[in-house]
Amino acid sequence: MPHPPMPFTKMHALGNDYIYLDAVSHPALAARPDLPQLARILSHRRTGIGADGLIIIQKPEPDSQIKPGSGVAMRIFNADGSEAELCGNGIRCVAKYAVEHGLVPNAMPGSLAIESITGLLHHMTYTTDSAGLVNSVSVDMGVPTFDLPVNSEHLMPVPGSNSTYTLNLQTHCATPATLVAVGNPHAVFFMETADALDAIDLATLGPAVENHPAFRPHRINAHFVHVRTDHEITMRTWERGSGITQACGTGACAVGVACILLDKHRARPSPPTCRAAN
């Protein structure tokens, strides 16, 4: 039996675009067994709607810490149908949608909670304009971690660091990679010059990092970075399961953490800001 018509919303944050399905208002959407396949079909930029992936907005589980009506849960499917743990830009769009569509009537004004597939709660704050539309959203991304699931036989630790490793790639041998998890895993590579960053063949090097034996079977997001000034960074991103994207929220956080770990930022106390360039 064919599925009934499916309402959807297309949103982006900094060009990181997703298709959103409201399974709070339409609970049957959350129960569909074909969500990975649906993500692949809808995300295709030639034959589908076109997006970096699919996000399901749904009610929190009954045992969730979120009080009824004060938050929502989300599931994220990459463009290839794989399920992701978190999306920094996507979660901000979820907050905007939830507030503007009345999904969180019991939330405190200006704040709500969103639960990811990992069970972690993310506390959101937002502001609205005179029409009541959300015009900015901030999210507490939590504490970064460095104990990523890796195959250590394919990595060589850089002396004096517990997060930077030498990663052998076919086109870039002995490349230092700083590994950071911000809800999901990231590998950060620093380029000495803007020209070196521009010269990166992201369509080739990105999947080489994502699918490197060191990161199997979970794979990893890859970011190539040039520190422009004491407070500004340019990053190019290859997202696990989605490919080249215009921005990556969790990736920007991971890059900021990597800069601090390697003392590549000098502006104190503010952390560096990131500029996407793909």
Protein backbone atom coordinates (compact mmCIF):
# COMPACT_ATOMS: atom_id res chain seq x y z
CA MET A 1 0.00 0.00 0.00
CA PRO A 2 1.49 3.39 -0.96
CA HIS A 3 2.29 5.89 1.74
CA PRO A 4 -0.02 8.92 2.06
CA PRO A 5 1.30 12.35 1.04
CA MET A 6 4.20 13.35 3.27
CA PRO A 7 4.57 16.97 4.39
CA PHE A 8 8.17 18.12 4.72
CA THR A 9 10.13 21.27 5.41
CA LYS A 10 13.47 22.22 3.86
CA MET A 11 15.74 24.32 6.08
CA HIS A 12 19.40 25.21 6.22
CA ALA A 13 21.81 26.83 8.65
CA LEU A 14 24.87 28.38 6.98
CA GLY A 15 24.04 26.38 3.85
CA ASN A 16 24.06 23.04 5.69
CA ASP A 17 20.65 21.93 4.40
CA TYR A 18 18.35 19.14 5.57
CA ILE A 19 14.85 17.89 4.92
CA TYR A 20 12.75 17.86 8.10
CA LEU A 21 9.82 15.58 8.84
CA ASP A 22 7.50 16.47 11.71
CA ALA A 23 6.77 13.17 13.47
CA VAL A 24 5.37 14.98 16.51
CA SER A 25 2.38 16.08 14.46
CA HIS A 26 2.49 12.96 12.25
CA PRO A 27 3.72 10.10 14.52
CA ALA A 28 3.53 7.47 11.76
CA LEU A 29 6.56 9.09 10.12
CA ALA A 30 8.78 8.09 13.06
CA ALA A 31 7.66 4.47 12.76
CA ARG A 32 8.55 4.09 9.08
CA PRO A 33 11.01 1.22 8.67
CA ASP A 34 12.46 2.69 5.49
CA LEU A 35 13.91 5.91 6.85
CA PRO A 36 17.49 5.17 5.66
CA GLN A 37 16.23 4.48 2.14
CA LEU A 38 13.96 7.53 2.32
CA ALA A 39 16.96 9.68 3.27
CA ARG A 40 18.90 8.48 0.23
CA ILE A 41 15.96 9.10 -2.12
CA LEU A 42 14.99 12.52 -0.80
CA SER A 43 18.55 13.81 -0.38
CA HIS A 44 19.63 13.11 -3.97
CA ARG A 45 20.32 16.47 -5.59
CA ARG A 46 19.30 15.34 -9.09
CA THR A 47 16.36 12.99 -8.57
CA GLY A 48 15.14 13.94 -5.08
CA ILE A 49 14.52 17.12 -3.12
CA GLY A 50 18.23 17.56 -2.57
CA ALA A 51 19.86 17.95 0.85
CA ASP A 52 22.75 16.95 3.09
CA GLY A 53 20.37 14.53 4.81
CA LEU A 54 17.05 13.90 6.51
CA ILE A 55 16.07 14.86 10.07
CA ILE A 56 13.09 13.43 11.93
CA ILE A 57 11.56 15.63 14.66
CA GLN A 58 9.71 13.40 17.09
CA LYS A 59 8.46 13.08 20.65
CA PRO A 60 11.05 12.16 23.29
CA GLU A 61 11.00 8.60 24.59
CA PRO A 62 8.73 7.98 27.62
CA ASP A 63 11.74 7.63 29.92
CA SER A 64 13.35 10.85 28.65
CA GLN A 65 14.40 13.60 31.05
CA ILE A 66 12.44 16.05 28.90
CA LYS A 67 9.12 17.02 30.43
CA PRO A 68 6.13 16.65 28.07
CA GLY A 69 5.76 19.62 25.80
CA SER A 70 9.07 21.22 26.80
CA GLY A 71 11.31 19.66 24.18
CA VAL A 72 11.60 17.24 21.26
CA ALA A 73 13.85 14.45 20.07
CA MET A 74 15.61 14.17 16.71
CA ARG A 75 17.05 11.49 14.46
CA ILE A 76 19.54 12.37 11.74
CA PHE A 77 20.13 10.42 8.54
CA ASN A 78 22.98 11.35 6.24
CA ALA A 79 22.50 11.58 2.50
CA ASP A 80 23.76 7.99 2.14
CA GLY A 81 21.16 6.70 4.63
CA SER A 82 23.54 6.16 7.54
CA GLU A 83 22.40 7.49 10.89
CA ALA A 84 24.41 10.24 12.60
CA GLU A 85 24.71 10.97 16.29
CA LEU A 86 24.40 14.75 16.11
CA CYS A 87 24.24 17.73 13.76
CA GLY A 88 25.03 21.17 15.13
CA ASN A 89 23.35 23.12 12.33
CA GLY A 90 20.46 20.67 12.09
CA ILE A 91 19.64 20.87 15.79
CA ARG A 92 19.33 24.66 15.55
CA CYS A 93 16.82 24.29 12.72
CA VAL A 94 14.91 21.73 14.79
CA ALA A 95 14.65 24.30 17.58
CA LYS A 96 13.31 26.94 15.18
CA TYR A 97 10.75 24.53 13.74
CA ALA A 98 9.61 23.26 17.15
CA VAL A 99 9.03 26.75 18.51
CA GLU A 100 7.34 28.19 15.43
CA HIS A 101 5.04 25.16 14.98
CA GLY A 102 3.94 24.98 18.60
CA LEU A 103 5.59 21.65 19.40
CA VAL A 104 6.95 22.82 22.76
CA PRO A 105 4.07 24.66 24.46
CA ASN A 106 5.38 23.94 27.96
CA ALA A 107 8.94 25.10 27.37
CA MET A 108 10.23 28.16 29.17
CA PRO A 109 10.23 31.20 26.84
CA GLY A 110 13.55 31.45 25.05
CA SER A 111 14.69 27.90 25.79
CA LEU A 112 13.95 24.26 25.09
CA ALA A 113 15.66 20.86 25.23
CA ILE A 114 16.39 18.54 22.32
CA GLU A 115 17.38 14.91 22.71
CA SER A 116 19.68 13.22 20.20
CA ILE A 117 19.81 9.54 19.28
CA THR A 118 22.64 9.06 21.81
CA GLY A 119 20.27 10.05 24.61
CA LEU A 120 22.17 13.28 25.31
CA LEU A 121 20.15 16.37 26.11
CA HIS A 122 21.10 19.59 24.37
CA HIS A 123 19.87 22.80 25.93
CA MET A 124 18.88 25.43 23.39
CA THR A 125 18.35 29.16 23.77
CA TYR A 126 16.74 31.33 21.13
CA THR A 127 15.46 34.80 20.37
CA THR A 128 12.48 35.90 18.30
CA ASP A 129 11.61 38.93 16.22
CA SER A 130 8.55 41.15 16.57
CA ALA A 131 6.48 38.64 14.59
CA GLY A 132 7.39 35.81 16.97
CA LEU A 133 9.66 34.08 14.46
CA VAL A 134 12.91 32.59 15.72
CA ASN A 135 15.84 34.62 14.41
CA SER A 136 18.75 33.12 16.34
CA VAL A 137 19.44 29.85 18.12
CA SER A 138 22.35 28.80 20.33
CA VAL A 139 23.08 25.28 21.50
CA ASP A 140 25.19 23.87 24.30
CA MET A 141 27.17 21.22 22.41
CA GLY A 142 28.53 19.62 25.57
CA VAL A 143 32.09 18.71 26.50
CA PRO A 144 34.37 17.45 23.69
CA THR A 145 35.98 14.04 24.11
CA PHE A 146 39.06 12.41 22.61
CA ASP A 147 38.49 8.69 23.12
CA LEU A 148 37.21 8.05 19.60
CA PRO A 149 36.75 4.43 18.50
CA VAL A 150 39.78 3.96 16.22
CA ASN A 151 41.94 1.14 14.96
CA SER A 152 45.18 2.19 16.61
CA GLU A 153 47.36 -0.01 14.40
CA HIS A 154 46.73 2.48 11.58
CA LEU A 155 47.65 5.53 13.65
CA MET A 156 50.90 6.78 15.18
CA PRO A 157 50.55 9.19 18.13
CA VAL A 158 52.38 12.49 17.79
CA PRO A 159 54.74 12.80 20.78
CA GLY A 160 53.35 14.98 23.54
CA SER A 161 49.75 14.79 22.38
CA ASN A 162 46.86 12.51 23.30
CA SER A 163 44.67 13.66 20.41
CA THR A 164 46.93 14.16 17.37
CA TYR A 165 48.10 11.25 15.25
CA THR A 166 50.01 10.65 12.07
CA LEU A 167 47.64 9.38 9.41
CA ASN A 168 48.97 7.85 6.22
CA LEU A 169 47.00 8.76 3.12
CA GLN A 170 47.89 7.80 -0.45
CA THR A 171 48.25 11.41 -1.57
CA HIS A 172 49.43 12.95 1.72
CA CYS A 173 51.74 10.63 3.65
CA ALA A 174 52.39 11.15 7.36
CA THR A 175 49.66 13.76 7.75
CA PRO A 176 48.95 14.96 11.33
CA ALA A 177 45.27 14.60 12.24
CA THR A 178 43.74 15.90 15.47
CA LEU A 179 40.81 13.71 16.52
CA VAL A 180 37.93 15.28 18.43
CA ALA A 181 34.41 14.05 19.21
CA VAL A 182 31.63 16.62 19.63
CA GLY A 183 28.75 14.19 19.75
CA ASN A 184 30.18 12.69 16.55
CA PRO A 185 33.78 12.04 15.38
CA HIS A 186 36.00 14.54 13.55
CA ALA A 187 39.51 14.57 12.10
CA VAL A 188 41.07 18.03 11.78
CA PHE A 189 43.99 18.76 9.45
CA PHE A 190 45.83 22.09 9.52
CA MET A 191 47.19 23.64 6.32
CA GLU A 192 50.05 26.11 6.61
CA THR A 193 48.81 28.49 3.90
CA ALA A 194 45.55 29.56 2.28
CA ASP A 195 46.90 28.33 -1.07
CA ALA A 196 47.55 24.88 0.41
CA LEU A 197 43.97 24.76 1.68
CA ASP A 198 42.60 25.85 -1.70
CA ALA A 199 44.71 23.20 -3.44
CA ILE A 200 43.16 20.34 -1.46
CA ASP A 201 41.21 18.02 -3.76
CA LEU A 202 38.38 17.65 -1.26
CA ALA A 203 36.38 15.24 -3.42
CA THR A 204 39.34 12.83 -3.35
CA LEU A 205 40.95 13.42 0.04
CA GLY A 206 37.66 13.70 1.95
CA PRO A 207 36.47 10.14 1.28
CA ALA A 208 40.01 8.85 1.76
CA VAL A 209 39.93 10.14 5.33
CA GLU A 210 36.28 9.19 5.98
CA ASN A 211 36.86 5.57 4.95
CA HIS A 212 40.44 5.19 6.21
CA PRO A 213 41.07 1.82 7.95
CA ALA A 214 41.83 3.72 11.16
CA PHE A 215 38.18 4.78 11.41
CA ARG A 216 36.33 1.70 10.27
CA PRO A 217 33.54 0.76 10.62
CA HIS A 218 32.13 4.01 12.00
CA ARG A 219 33.98 6.38 9.61
CA ILE A 220 34.77 10.00 10.42
CA ASN A 221 34.14 13.62 9.37
CA ALA A 222 37.14 15.40 7.82
CA HIS A 223 38.02 19.09 8.07
CA PHE A 224 40.91 20.88 6.38
CA VAL A 225 41.77 24.13 8.06
CA HIS A 226 43.86 27.25 7.65
CA VAL A 227 44.28 29.70 10.54
CA ARG A 228 43.81 33.09 8.88
CA THR A 229 44.30 35.38 11.85
CA ASP A 230 44.40 35.16 15.63
CA HIS A 231 40.61 34.89 15.68
CA GLU A 232 39.50 33.59 12.28
CA ILE A 233 39.78 30.19 10.58
CA THR A 234 38.85 28.94 7.14
CA MET A 235 37.70 25.32 7.02
CA ARG A 236 36.71 22.97 4.22
CA THR A 237 34.52 20.05 5.20
CA TRP A 238 33.83 16.53 4.03
CA GLU A 239 30.96 15.14 6.11
CA ARG A 240 30.70 11.44 6.80
CA GLY A 241 27.83 10.05 4.75
CA SER A 242 27.06 13.34 2.99
CA GLY A 243 30.23 14.50 1.22
CA ILE A 244 31.21 18.13 0.70
CA THR A 245 28.97 20.46 2.72
CA GLN A 246 28.81 24.22 3.03
CA ALA A 247 29.14 24.14 6.81
CA CYS A 248 29.28 21.76 9.77
CA GLY A 249 28.28 22.90 13.25
CA THR A 250 29.86 20.10 15.23
CA GLY A 251 32.87 20.32 12.90
CA ALA A 252 33.35 24.02 13.65
CA CYS A 253 33.32 23.16 17.35
CA ALA A 254 35.86 20.37 16.78
CA VAL A 255 38.10 22.72 14.80
CA GLY A 256 37.94 25.29 17.60
CA VAL A 257 38.88 22.63 20.14
CA ALA A 258 41.77 21.45 17.95
CA CYS A 259 43.08 25.02 17.67
CA ILE A 260 43.11 25.38 21.43
CA LEU A 261 44.75 21.97 21.94
CA LEU A 262 47.54 22.81 19.49
CA ASP A 263 47.80 26.44 20.61
CA LYS A 264 46.95 27.71 17.16
CA HIS A 265 44.79 30.50 18.51
CA ARG A 266 46.27 33.46 20.32
CA ALA A 267 43.16 35.52 20.93
CA ARG A 268 42.27 35.20 24.61
CA PRO A 269 39.78 34.64 26.07
CA SER A 270 37.55 34.29 23.00
CA PRO A 271 37.87 31.08 20.95
CA PRO A 272 38.47 31.34 17.19
CA THR A 273 35.57 31.73 14.78
CA CYS A 274 35.26 29.60 11.67
CA ARG A 275 34.56 30.52 8.08
CA ALA A 276 33.41 27.72 5.75
CA ALA A 277 34.90 27.65 2.25
CA ASN A 278 34.00 24.73 0.01
